[in-house]
Each structure stands twice: as C-alpha cells, then as structure tokens.
C-alpha cells in the first residue's frame, strides 16, 4: 500500500494533467479530486484537504446542471464529510480526548 504522501503526489499530478486537458467537472477529474482530498487529509494536511473537498463540492454543483439531487453532489459531500471525520479524529488524537 502506498503512503498518504505518495497518494497526494500521484493524485496531484493526475489532477493537474486532467485540468490542463479539460474541465474540472468531468467525472474523472472529480474522482481524482476526491482521492486527493482524502489522501491529503490522511497525510495530515487538513487545510489543504478541506480546500480540495470544498472545490470538489463546487465542481459537482457546476457539473450537475442545477440538479441538487445529482449523485455527484452527494458523492462530493460524502468526501467532504470524510475529510471532516479525519480532521476530528486527528484532533482527538492530538488532544487525547
């Protein structure tokens, strides 16, 4: 299994390649941004992870064509929720609560 840092590196490279070639709202670009958000959180870079998760939600909203029930929005919110869960768990570990 690769380390979170290696996953961040790989996902960043893939996302940049996808963004250079197209739009951030493609299914593939959003999947890679989700991977990047989670790997970044697991690597302990929580502000960067939160940024990626928020951008993912925005991309999903733009790509949904205005449909608030679009599955991409639910998936993006699930990633954001997981980033938040990781952040809370890390905070508890650091504060021993």
Foldseek 3Di string as FASTA:
>chain_A
DDALVVQLVVLVVVLVVVVVVDDCLDPVNLVSLLSNLLSCLSVVVLVVSLVSLVVSLVSPCVNVVNDPPDVSNVVSVVSNVVSVVSVVVVVCVVVVD
